Amino acid sequence: MSAKNRDNKQRWRSITIGFRVSPEEAYALDMRVLTSGLTKQDYCTKKVLDEEVIVRPNIRVQKYVCQYLNELTEELKRLEKIEQTSDVLDNLKYLLELITHMSE
């Protein structure tokens, strides 16, 4: 049996919570997690508990931002018309806000 693991606040996390999302929601969640520099567990916990997620810019975060911007650019090239409620626009808006905030 493995040893019990505690988080950085010495809490023993013994409860598992799972939920289902659509592929588009999974993509958006993964993008936000990777560009935050946090683990998915830490990111989801902070968002669910309405805590602020502070992105600390580093080379890994920069790499993911560039990767997602390239993917979104290719998607925009592929699309002929973009609806106002498009997931692509939401993801692009998030990345632009992130870049603006990181450059301040």
PDB file of N, CA and C in Angstrom:
ATOM      1  N   MET A   1       0.843  -1.177   0.000  1.00  0.00           N
ATOM      2  CA  MET A   1       0.000   0.000   0.000  1.00  0.00           C
ATOM      3  C   MET A   1       0.889   1.242   0.000  1.00  0.00           C
ATOM      4  N   SER A   2       0.489   2.240  -0.772  1.00  0.00           N
ATOM      5  CA  SER A   2       1.305   3.447  -0.884  1.00  0.00           C
ATOM      6  C   SER A   2       1.090   4.369   0.315  1.00  0.00           C
ATOM      7  N   ALA A   3       2.072   5.227   0.503  1.00  0.00           N
ATOM      8  CA  ALA A   3       1.995   6.180   1.614  1.00  0.00           C
ATOM      9  C   ALA A   3       0.953   7.251   1.307  1.00  0.00           C
ATOM     10  N   LYS A   4       0.343   7.782   2.338  1.00  0.00           N
ATOM     11  CA  LYS A   4      -0.644   8.835   2.166  1.00  0.00           C
ATOM     12  C   LYS A   4       0.073  10.122   1.780  1.00  0.00           C
ATOM     13  N   ASN A   5      -0.442  10.783   0.757  1.00  0.00           N
ATOM     14  CA  ASN A   5       0.146  12.026   0.280  1.00  0.00           C
ATOM     15  C   ASN A   5      -0.653  13.211   0.794  1.00  0.00           C
ATOM     16  N   ARG A   6       0.058  14.229   1.195  1.00  0.00           N
ATOM     17  CA  ARG A   6      -0.580  15.463   1.644  1.00  0.00           C
ATOM     18  C   ARG A   6      -0.181  16.583   0.692  1.00  0.00           C
ATOM     19  N   ASP A   7      -1.064  17.571   0.557  1.00  0.00           N
ATOM     20  CA  ASP A   7      -0.740  18.696  -0.301  1.00  0.00           C
ATOM     21  C   ASP A   7       0.155  19.685   0.443  1.00  0.00           C
ATOM     22  N   ASN A   8       0.448  20.842  -0.182  1.00  0.00           N
ATOM     23  CA  ASN A   8       1.384  21.789   0.438  1.00  0.00           C
ATOM     24  C   ASN A   8       0.814  22.472   1.681  1.00  0.00           C
ATOM     25  N   LYS A   9      -0.474  22.312   1.961  1.00  0.00           N
ATOM     26  CA  LYS A   9      -1.060  22.837   3.200  1.00  0.00           C
ATOM     27  C   LYS A   9      -1.317  21.712   4.189  1.00  0.00           C
ATOM     28  N   GLN A  10      -0.686  20.581   3.965  1.00  0.00           N
ATOM     29  CA  GLN A  10      -0.754  19.409   4.846  1.00  0.00           C
ATOM     30  C   GLN A  10      -2.167  18.835   4.974  1.00  0.00           C
ATOM     31  N   ARG A  11      -2.954  18.939   3.899  1.00  0.00           N
ATOM     32  CA  ARG A  11      -4.280  18.325   3.879  1.00  0.00           C
ATOM     33  C   ARG A  11      -4.177  16.981   3.182  1.00  0.00           C
ATOM     34  N   TRP A  12      -4.887  16.019   3.690  1.00  0.00           N
ATOM     35  CA  TRP A  12      -4.918  14.719   3.047  1.00  0.00           C
ATOM     36  C   TRP A  12      -6.143  14.683   2.151  1.00  0.00           C
ATOM     37  N   ARG A  13      -5.921  14.604   0.862  1.00  0.00           N
ATOM     38  CA  ARG A  13      -7.014  14.639  -0.104  1.00  0.00           C
ATOM     39  C   ARG A  13      -7.425  13.208  -0.444  1.00  0.00           C
ATOM     40  N   SER A  14      -8.520  12.775   0.155  1.00  0.00           N
ATOM     41  CA  SER A  14      -8.948  11.395  -0.014  1.00  0.00           C
ATOM     42  C   SER A  14     -10.231  11.267  -0.837  1.00  0.00           C
ATOM     43  N   ILE A  15     -10.812  12.349  -1.263  1.00  0.00           N
ATOM     44  CA  ILE A  15     -12.066  12.333  -2.005  1.00  0.00           C
ATOM     45  C   ILE A  15     -11.779  12.575  -3.485  1.00  0.00           C
ATOM     46  N   THR A  16     -12.402  11.777  -4.350  1.00  0.00           N
ATOM     47  CA  THR A  16     -12.259  11.937  -5.793  1.00  0.00           C
ATOM     48  C   THR A  16     -13.539  12.511  -6.362  1.00  0.00           C
ATOM     49  N   ILE A  17     -13.408  13.521  -7.199  1.00  0.00           N
ATOM     50  CA  ILE A  17     -14.553  14.129  -7.865  1.00  0.00           C
ATOM     51  C   ILE A  17     -14.288  14.075  -9.362  1.00  0.00           C
ATOM     52  N   GLY A  18     -15.249  13.605 -10.119  1.00  0.00           N
ATOM     53  CA  GLY A  18     -15.113  13.529 -11.571  1.00  0.00           C
ATOM     54  C   GLY A  18     -16.333  14.114 -12.246  1.00  0.00           C
ATOM     55  N   PHE A  19     -16.176  14.583 -13.476  1.00  0.00           N
ATOM     56  CA  PHE A  19     -17.299  15.137 -14.221  1.00  0.00           C
ATOM     57  C   PHE A  19     -17.036  14.983 -15.708  1.00  0.00           C
ATOM     58  N   ARG A  20     -18.094  15.041 -16.488  1.00  0.00           N
ATOM     59  CA  ARG A  20     -18.001  14.888 -17.941  1.00  0.00           C
ATOM     60  C   ARG A  20     -18.075  16.255 -18.612  1.00  0.00           C
ATOM     61  N   VAL A  21     -17.342  16.379 -19.724  1.00  0.00           N
ATOM     62  CA  VAL A  21     -17.367  17.595 -20.527  1.00  0.00           C
ATOM     63  C   VAL A  21     -17.378  17.214 -22.001  1.00  0.00           C
ATOM     64  N   SER A  22     -17.764  18.151 -22.844  1.00  0.00           N
ATOM     65  CA  SER A  22     -17.727  17.924 -24.289  1.00  0.00           C
ATOM     66  C   SER A  22     -16.279  18.050 -24.771  1.00  0.00           C
ATOM     67  N   PRO A  23     -15.979  17.582 -25.984  1.00  0.00           N
ATOM     68  CA  PRO A  23     -14.614  17.755 -26.516  1.00  0.00           C
ATOM     69  C   PRO A  23     -14.178  19.220 -26.577  1.00  0.00           C
ATOM     70  N   GLU A  24     -15.112  20.110 -26.910  1.00  0.00           N
ATOM     71  CA  GLU A  24     -14.778  21.536 -26.979  1.00  0.00           C
ATOM     72  C   GLU A  24     -14.463  22.087 -25.592  1.00  0.00           C
ATOM     73  N   GLU A  25     -15.247  21.664 -24.604  1.00  0.00           N
ATOM     74  CA  GLU A  25     -14.996  22.111 -23.230  1.00  0.00           C
ATOM     75  C   GLU A  25     -13.685  21.534 -22.700  1.00  0.00           C
ATOM     76  N   ALA A  26     -13.384  20.295 -23.060  1.00  0.00           N
ATOM     77  CA  ALA A  26     -12.123  19.677 -22.641  1.00  0.00           C
ATOM     78  C   ALA A  26     -10.936  20.425 -23.233  1.00  0.00           C
ATOM     79  N   TYR A  27     -11.039  20.812 -24.508  1.00  0.00           N
ATOM     80  CA  TYR A  27      -9.968  21.567 -25.159  1.00  0.00           C
ATOM     81  C   TYR A  27      -9.751  22.902 -24.449  1.00  0.00           C
ATOM     82  N   ALA A  28     -10.860  23.616 -24.177  1.00  0.00           N
ATOM     83  CA  ALA A  28     -10.759  24.916 -23.505  1.00  0.00           C
ATOM     84  C   ALA A  28     -10.185  24.766 -22.099  1.00  0.00           C
ATOM     85  N   LEU A  29     -10.622  23.733 -21.377  1.00  0.00           N
ATOM     86  CA  LEU A  29     -10.104  23.491 -20.034  1.00  0.00           C
ATOM     87  C   LEU A  29      -8.615  23.168 -20.072  1.00  0.00           C
ATOM     88  N   ASP A  30      -8.218  22.273 -20.986  1.00  0.00           N
ATOM     89  CA  ASP A  30      -6.800  21.919 -21.103  1.00  0.00           C
ATOM     90  C   ASP A  30      -5.950  23.133 -21.462  1.00  0.00           C
ATOM     91  N   MET A  31      -6.471  23.987 -22.348  1.00  0.00           N
ATOM     92  CA  MET A  31      -5.736  25.186 -22.738  1.00  0.00           C
ATOM     93  C   MET A  31      -5.523  26.100 -21.530  1.00  0.00           C
ATOM     94  N   ARG A  32      -6.563  26.286 -20.742  1.00  0.00           N
ATOM     95  CA  ARG A  32      -6.446  27.160 -19.573  1.00  0.00           C
ATOM     96  C   ARG A  32      -5.535  26.556 -18.509  1.00  0.00           C
ATOM     97  N   VAL A  33      -5.595  25.246 -18.347  1.00  0.00           N
ATOM     98  CA  VAL A  33      -4.735  24.581 -17.366  1.00  0.00           C
ATOM     99  C   VAL A  33      -3.272  24.704 -17.772  1.00  0.00           C
ATOM    100  N   LEU A  34      -2.966  24.365 -19.023  1.00  0.00           N
ATOM    101  CA  LEU A  34      -1.569  24.408 -19.463  1.00  0.00           C
ATOM    102  C   LEU A  34      -1.001  25.820 -19.455  1.00  0.00           C
ATOM    103  N   THR A  35      -1.816  26.815 -19.802  1.00  0.00           N
ATOM    104  CA  THR A  35      -1.301  28.189 -19.813  1.00  0.00           C
ATOM    105  C   THR A  35      -1.283  28.817 -18.421  1.00  0.00           C
ATOM    106  N   SER A  36      -1.878  28.146 -17.438  1.00  0.00           N
ATOM    107  CA  SER A  36      -1.831  28.676 -16.069  1.00  0.00           C
ATOM    108  C   SER A  36      -0.561  28.252 -15.339  1.00  0.00           C
ATOM    109  N   GLY A  37       0.033  27.151 -15.769  1.00  0.00           N
ATOM    110  CA  GLY A  37       1.216  26.634 -15.073  1.00  0.00           C
ATOM    111  C   GLY A  37       0.866  25.780 -13.869  1.00  0.00           C
ATOM    112  N   LEU A  38      -0.428  25.541 -13.629  1.00  0.00           N
ATOM    113  CA  LEU A  38      -0.865  24.715 -12.508  1.00  0.00           C
ATOM    114  C   LEU A  38      -1.186  23.303 -12.987  1.00  0.00           C
ATOM    115  N   THR A  39      -1.355  22.397 -12.036  1.00  0.00           N
ATOM    116  CA  THR A  39      -1.866  21.082 -12.399  1.00  0.00           C
ATOM    117  C   THR A  39      -3.366  21.215 -12.635  1.00  0.00           C
ATOM    118  N   LYS A  40      -3.939  20.248 -13.343  1.00  0.00           N
ATOM    119  CA  LYS A  40      -5.375  20.308 -13.609  1.00  0.00           C
ATOM    120  C   LYS A  40      -6.162  20.271 -12.302  1.00  0.00           C
ATOM    121  N   GLN A  41      -5.708  19.469 -11.360  1.00  0.00           N
ATOM    122  CA  GLN A  41      -6.390  19.397 -10.065  1.00  0.00           C
ATOM    123  C   GLN A  41      -6.363  20.746  -9.358  1.00  0.00           C
ATOM    124  N   ASP A  42      -5.200  21.376  -9.298  1.00  0.00           N
ATOM    125  CA  ASP A  42      -5.088  22.665  -8.614  1.00  0.00           C
ATOM    126  C   ASP A  42      -5.909  23.744  -9.329  1.00  0.00           C
ATOM    127  N   TYR A  43      -5.869  23.735 -10.663  1.00  0.00           N
ATOM    128  CA  TYR A  43      -6.621  24.724 -11.432  1.00  0.00           C
ATOM    129  C   TYR A  43      -8.119  24.560 -11.182  1.00  0.00           C
ATOM    130  N   CYS A  44      -8.630  23.338 -11.306  1.00  0.00           N
ATOM    131  CA  CYS A  44     -10.068  23.091 -11.114  1.00  0.00           C
ATOM    132  C   CYS A  44     -10.493  23.415  -9.691  1.00  0.00           C
ATOM    133  N   THR A  45      -9.673  23.064  -8.717  1.00  0.00           N
ATOM    134  CA  THR A  45     -10.003  23.355  -7.323  1.00  0.00           C
ATOM    135  C   THR A  45     -10.099  24.855  -7.097  1.00  0.00           C
ATOM    136  N   LYS A  46      -9.134  25.613  -7.626  1.00  0.00           N
ATOM    137  CA  LYS A  46      -9.163  27.071  -7.465  1.00  0.00           C
ATOM    138  C   LYS A  46     -10.394  27.679  -8.126  1.00  0.00           C
ATOM    139  N   LYS A  47     -10.729  27.235  -9.325  1.00  0.00           N
ATOM    140  CA  LYS A  47     -11.876  27.795 -10.031  1.00  0.00           C
ATOM    141  C   LYS A  47     -13.191  27.433  -9.346  1.00  0.00           C
ATOM    142  N   VAL A  48     -13.305  26.203  -8.884  1.00  0.00           N
ATOM    143  CA  VAL A  48     -14.538  25.780  -8.213  1.00  0.00           C
ATOM    144  C   VAL A  48     -14.728  26.541  -6.911  1.00  0.00           C
ATOM    145  N   LEU A  49     -13.646  26.788  -6.205  1.00  0.00           N
ATOM    146  CA  LEU A  49     -13.723  27.518  -4.939  1.00  0.00           C
ATOM    147  C   LEU A  49     -13.675  29.028  -5.145  1.00  0.00           C
ATOM    148  N   ASP A  50     -13.740  29.473  -6.402  1.00  0.00           N
ATOM    149  CA  ASP A  50     -13.773  30.886  -6.772  1.00  0.00           C
ATOM    150  C   ASP A  50     -12.538  31.642  -6.275  1.00  0.00           C
ATOM    151  N   GLU A  51     -11.385  30.975  -6.347  1.00  0.00           N
ATOM    152  CA  GLU A  51     -10.121  31.626  -6.012  1.00  0.00           C
ATOM    153  C   GLU A  51      -9.477  32.138  -7.292  1.00  0.00           C
ATOM    154  N   GLU A  52      -8.683  33.170  -7.166  1.00  0.00           N
ATOM    155  CA  GLU A  52      -8.027  33.758  -8.329  1.00  0.00           C
ATOM    156  C   GLU A  52      -6.888  32.858  -8.802  1.00  0.00           C
ATOM    157  N   VAL A  53      -6.810  32.667 -10.108  1.00  0.00           N
ATOM    158  CA  VAL A  53      -5.711  31.912 -10.705  1.00  0.00           C
ATOM    159  C   VAL A  53      -4.718  32.931 -11.240  1.00  0.00           C
ATOM    160  N   ILE A  54      -3.533  32.954 -10.660  1.00  0.00           N
ATOM    161  CA  ILE A  54      -2.494  33.895 -11.070  1.00  0.00           C
ATOM    162  C   ILE A  54      -1.498  33.159 -11.952  1.00  0.00           C
ATOM    163  N   VAL A  55      -1.353  33.646 -13.187  1.00  0.00           N
ATOM    164  CA  VAL A  55      -0.422  33.029 -14.130  1.00  0.00           C
ATOM    165  C   VAL A  55       0.938  33.665 -13.943  1.00  0.00           C
ATOM    166  N   ARG A  56       1.914  32.851 -13.630  1.00  0.00           N
ATOM    167  CA  ARG A  56       3.290  33.309 -13.498  1.00  0.00           C
ATOM    168  C   ARG A  56       4.014  32.972 -14.795  1.00  0.00           C
ATOM    169  N   PRO A  57       4.330  33.990 -15.601  1.00  0.00           N
ATOM    170  CA  PRO A  57       4.937  33.720 -16.911  1.00  0.00           C
ATOM    171  C   PRO A  57       6.283  33.018 -16.773  1.00  0.00           C
ATOM    172  N   ASN A  58       6.449  31.971 -17.533  1.00  0.00           N
ATOM    173  CA  ASN A  58       7.728  31.288 -17.647  1.00  0.00           C
ATOM    174  C   ASN A  58       7.821  30.711 -19.050  1.00  0.00           C
ATOM    175  N   ILE A  59       8.918  30.059 -19.359  1.00  0.00           N
ATOM    176  CA  ILE A  59       9.146  29.583 -20.719  1.00  0.00           C
ATOM    177  C   ILE A  59       8.136  28.507 -21.112  1.00  0.00           C
ATOM    178  N   ARG A  60       7.708  27.687 -20.167  1.00  0.00           N
ATOM    179  CA  ARG A  60       6.739  26.632 -20.464  1.00  0.00           C
ATOM    180  C   ARG A  60       5.370  27.235 -20.790  1.00  0.00           C
ATOM    181  N   VAL A  61       4.941  28.219 -20.015  1.00  0.00           N
ATOM    182  CA  VAL A  61       3.662  28.892 -20.275  1.00  0.00           C
ATOM    183  C   VAL A  61       3.728  29.585 -21.630  1.00  0.00           C
ATOM    184  N   GLN A  62       4.848  30.233 -21.927  1.00  0.00           N
ATOM    185  CA  GLN A  62       5.024  30.909 -23.215  1.00  0.00           C
ATOM    186  C   GLN A  62       4.916  29.911 -24.365  1.00  0.00           C
ATOM    187  N   LYS A  63       5.502  28.744 -24.192  1.00  0.00           N
ATOM    188  CA  LYS A  63       5.452  27.710 -25.227  1.00  0.00           C
ATOM    189  C   LYS A  63       4.006  27.280 -25.495  1.00  0.00           C
ATOM    190  N   TYR A  64       3.232  27.064 -24.439  1.00  0.00           N
ATOM    191  CA  TYR A  64       1.836  26.652 -24.613  1.00  0.00           C
ATOM    192  C   TYR A  64       0.992  27.758 -25.219  1.00  0.00           C
ATOM    193  N   VAL A  65       1.226  29.011 -24.841  1.00  0.00           N
ATOM    194  CA  VAL A  65       0.490  30.123 -25.430  1.00  0.00           C
ATOM    195  C   VAL A  65       0.769  30.190 -26.930  1.00  0.00           C
ATOM    196  N   CYS A  66       2.020  30.062 -27.321  1.00  0.00           N
ATOM    197  CA  CYS A  66       2.375  30.073 -28.744  1.00  0.00           C
ATOM    198  C   CYS A  66       1.735  28.899 -29.475  1.00  0.00           C
ATOM    199  N   GLN A  67       1.756  27.733 -28.860  1.00  0.00           N
ATOM    200  CA  GLN A  67       1.167  26.532 -29.462  1.00  0.00           C
ATOM    201  C   GLN A  67      -0.328  26.733 -29.709  1.00  0.00           C
ATOM    202  N   TYR A  68      -1.048  27.229 -28.707  1.00  0.00           N
ATOM    203  CA  TYR A  68      -2.488  27.422 -28.857  1.00  0.00           C
ATOM    204  C   TYR A  68      -2.807  28.554 -29.825  1.00  0.00           C
ATOM    205  N   LEU A  69      -1.994  29.602 -29.858  1.00  0.00           N
ATOM    206  CA  LEU A  69      -2.218  30.670 -30.834  1.00  0.00           C
ATOM    207  C   LEU A  69      -2.040  30.145 -32.255  1.00  0.00           C
ATOM    208  N   ASN A  70      -1.046  29.286 -32.459  1.00  0.00           N
ATOM    209  CA  ASN A  70      -0.850  28.684 -33.784  1.00  0.00           C
ATOM    210  C   ASN A  70      -2.039  27.807 -34.170  1.00  0.00           C
ATOM    211  N   GLU A  71      -2.528  27.006 -33.229  1.00  0.00           N
ATOM    212  CA  GLU A  71      -3.685  26.148 -33.504  1.00  0.00           C
ATOM    213  C   GLU A  71      -4.915  26.990 -33.842  1.00  0.00           C
ATOM    214  N   LEU A  72      -5.146  28.054 -33.073  1.00  0.00           N
ATOM    215  CA  LEU A  72      -6.300  28.907 -33.334  1.00  0.00           C
ATOM    216  C   LEU A  72      -6.157  29.662 -34.646  1.00  0.00           C
ATOM    217  N   THR A  73      -4.943  30.055 -35.006  1.00  0.00           N
ATOM    218  CA  THR A  73      -4.712  30.715 -36.286  1.00  0.00           C
ATOM    219  C   THR A  73      -5.051  29.780 -37.439  1.00  0.00           C
ATOM    220  N   GLU A  74      -4.632  28.525 -37.329  1.00  0.00           N
ATOM    221  CA  GLU A  74      -4.954  27.537 -38.364  1.00  0.00           C
ATOM    222  C   GLU A  74      -6.460  27.308 -38.440  1.00  0.00           C
ATOM    223  N   GLU A  75      -7.119  27.263 -37.321  1.00  0.00           N
ATOM    224  CA  GLU A  75      -8.574  27.080 -37.297  1.00  0.00           C
ATOM    225  C   GLU A  75      -9.277  28.276 -37.931  1.00  0.00           C
ATOM    226  N   LEU A  76      -8.781  29.488 -37.659  1.00  0.00           N
ATOM    227  CA  LEU A  76      -9.377  30.684 -38.261  1.00  0.00           C
ATOM    228  C   LEU A  76      -9.181  30.695 -39.769  1.00  0.00           C
ATOM    229  N   LYS A  77      -8.049  30.223 -40.239  1.00  0.00           N
ATOM    230  CA  LYS A  77      -7.796  30.146 -41.682  1.00  0.00           C
ATOM    231  C   LYS A  77      -8.759  29.160 -42.337  1.00  0.00           C
ATOM    232  N   ARG A  78      -9.077  28.086 -41.622  1.00  0.00           N
ATOM    233  CA  ARG A  78      -9.936  27.036 -42.153  1.00  0.00           C
ATOM    234  C   ARG A  78     -11.394  27.489 -42.230  1.00  0.00           C
ATOM    235  N   LEU A  79     -11.819  28.278 -41.262  1.00  0.00           N
ATOM    236  CA  LEU A  79     -13.215  28.705 -41.205  1.00  0.00           C
ATOM    237  C   LEU A  79     -13.487  29.821 -42.210  1.00  0.00           C
ATOM    238  N   GLU A  80     -14.625  29.761 -42.849  1.00  0.00           N
ATOM    239  CA  GLU A  80     -15.020  30.826 -43.763  1.00  0.00           C
ATOM    240  C   GLU A  80     -15.774  31.925 -43.033  1.00  0.00           C
ATOM    241  N   LYS A  81     -16.583  31.514 -42.060  1.00  0.00           N
ATOM    242  CA  LYS A  81     -17.392  32.460 -41.311  1.00  0.00           C
ATOM    243  C   LYS A  81     -17.364  32.048 -39.848  1.00  0.00           C
ATOM    244  N   ILE A  82     -17.236  33.019 -38.949  1.00  0.00           N
ATOM    245  CA  ILE A  82     -17.175  32.728 -37.522  1.00  0.00           C
ATOM    246  C   ILE A  82     -18.419  33.308 -36.861  1.00  0.00           C
ATOM    247  N   GLU A  83     -19.102  32.470 -36.101  1.00  0.00           N
ATOM    248  CA  GLU A  83     -20.276  32.932 -35.371  1.00  0.00           C
ATOM    249  C   GLU A  83     -19.830  33.674 -34.117  1.00  0.00           C
ATOM    250  N   GLN A  84     -20.680  34.571 -33.631  1.00  0.00           N
ATOM    251  CA  GLN A  84     -20.366  35.347 -32.431  1.00  0.00           C
ATOM    252  C   GLN A  84     -20.176  34.460 -31.206  1.00  0.00           C
ATOM    253  N   THR A  85     -20.852  33.324 -31.167  1.00  0.00           N
ATOM    254  CA  THR A  85     -20.788  32.439 -30.001  1.00  0.00           C
ATOM    255  C   THR A  85     -19.805  31.292 -30.200  1.00  0.00           C
ATOM    256  N   SER A  86     -18.880  31.451 -31.083  1.00  0.00           N
ATOM    257  CA  SER A  86     -17.932  30.387 -31.421  1.00  0.00           C
ATOM    258  C   SER A  86     -16.956  30.112 -30.277  1.00  0.00           C
ATOM    259  N   ASP A  87     -16.637  28.822 -30.072  1.00  0.00           N
ATOM    260  CA  ASP A  87     -15.625  28.435 -29.094  1.00  0.00           C
ATOM    261  C   ASP A  87     -14.254  28.970 -29.484  1.00  0.00           C
ATOM    262  N   VAL A  88     -14.008  29.071 -30.787  1.00  0.00           N
ATOM    263  CA  VAL A  88     -12.725  29.588 -31.274  1.00  0.00           C
ATOM    264  C   VAL A  88     -12.535  31.025 -30.808  1.00  0.00           C
ATOM    265  N   LEU A  89     -13.592  31.825 -30.905  1.00  0.00           N
ATOM    266  CA  LEU A  89     -13.499  33.224 -30.458  1.00  0.00           C
ATOM    267  C   LEU A  89     -13.287  33.313 -28.955  1.00  0.00           C
ATOM    268  N   ASP A  90     -13.970  32.456 -28.196  1.00  0.00           N
ATOM    269  CA  ASP A  90     -13.779  32.449 -26.742  1.00  0.00           C
ATOM    270  C   ASP A  90     -12.341  32.095 -26.377  1.00  0.00           C
ATOM    271  N   ASN A  91     -11.787  31.077 -27.035  1.00  0.00           N
ATOM    272  CA  ASN A  91     -10.409  30.666 -26.759  1.00  0.00           C
ATOM    273  C   ASN A  91      -9.417  31.748 -27.166  1.00  0.00           C
ATOM    274  N   LEU A  92      -9.661  32.376 -28.297  1.00  0.00           N
ATOM    275  CA  LEU A  92      -8.783  33.450 -28.762  1.00  0.00           C
ATOM    276  C   LEU A  92      -8.833  34.638 -27.816  1.00  0.00           C
ATOM    277  N   LYS A  93     -10.043  34.983 -27.355  1.00  0.00           N
ATOM    278  CA  LYS A  93     -10.198  36.087 -26.408  1.00  0.00           C
ATOM    279  C   LYS A  93      -9.444  35.799 -25.111  1.00  0.00           C
ATOM    280  N   TYR A  94      -9.539  34.555 -24.621  1.00  0.00           N
ATOM    281  CA  TYR A  94      -8.818  34.174 -23.405  1.00  0.00           C
ATOM    282  C   TYR A  94      -7.314  34.348 -23.584  1.00  0.00           C
ATOM    283  N   LEU A  95      -6.775  33.852 -24.704  1.00  0.00           N
ATOM    284  CA  LEU A  95      -5.324  33.948 -24.930  1.00  0.00           C
ATOM    285  C   LEU A  95      -4.874  35.401 -25.066  1.00  0.00           C
ATOM    286  N   LEU A  96      -5.657  36.217 -25.737  1.00  0.00           N
ATOM    287  CA  LEU A  96      -5.281  37.630 -25.882  1.00  0.00           C
ATOM    288  C   LEU A  96      -5.303  38.356 -24.540  1.00  0.00           C
ATOM    289  N   GLU A  97      -6.295  38.047 -23.704  1.00  0.00           N
ATOM    290  CA  GLU A  97      -6.329  38.635 -22.362  1.00  0.00           C
ATOM    291  C   GLU A  97      -5.134  38.174 -21.534  1.00  0.00           C
ATOM    292  N   LEU A  98      -4.778  36.898 -21.664  1.00  0.00           N
ATOM    293  CA  LEU A  98      -3.635  36.348 -20.938  1.00  0.00           C
ATOM    294  C   LEU A  98      -2.340  37.042 -21.368  1.00  0.00           C
ATOM    295  N   ILE A  99      -2.159  37.213 -22.667  1.00  0.00           N
ATOM    296  CA  ILE A  99      -0.944  37.864 -23.163  1.00  0.00           C
ATOM    297  C   ILE A  99      -0.900  39.320 -22.701  1.00  0.00           C
ATOM    298  N   THR A 100      -2.020  40.014 -22.750  1.00  0.00           N
ATOM    299  CA  THR A 100      -2.078  41.402 -22.300  1.00  0.00           C
ATOM    300  C   THR A 100      -1.725  41.498 -20.822  1.00  0.00           C
ATOM    301  N   HIS A 101      -2.279  40.601 -20.022  1.00  0.00           N
ATOM    302  CA  HIS A 101      -2.020  40.614 -18.582  1.00  0.00           C
ATOM    303  C   HIS A 101      -0.556  40.275 -18.284  1.00  0.00           C
ATOM    304  N   MET A 102       0.022  39.347 -19.034  1.00  0.00           N
ATOM    305  CA  MET A 102       1.422  38.936 -18.791  1.00  0.00           C
ATOM    306  C   MET A 102       2.400  40.031 -19.191  1.00  0.00           C
ATOM    307  N   SER A 103       2.022  40.875 -20.140  1.00  0.00           N
ATOM    308  CA  SER A 103       2.955  41.916 -20.610  1.00  0.00           C
ATOM    309  C   SER A 103       2.910  43.174 -19.733  1.00  0.00           C
ATOM    310  N   GLU A 104       1.991  43.225 -18.775  1.00  0.00           N
ATOM    311  CA  GLU A 104       1.893  44.397 -17.906  1.00  0.00           C
ATOM    312  C   GLU A 104       2.997  44.427 -16.889  1.00  0.00           C
TER     313      GLU A 104
END
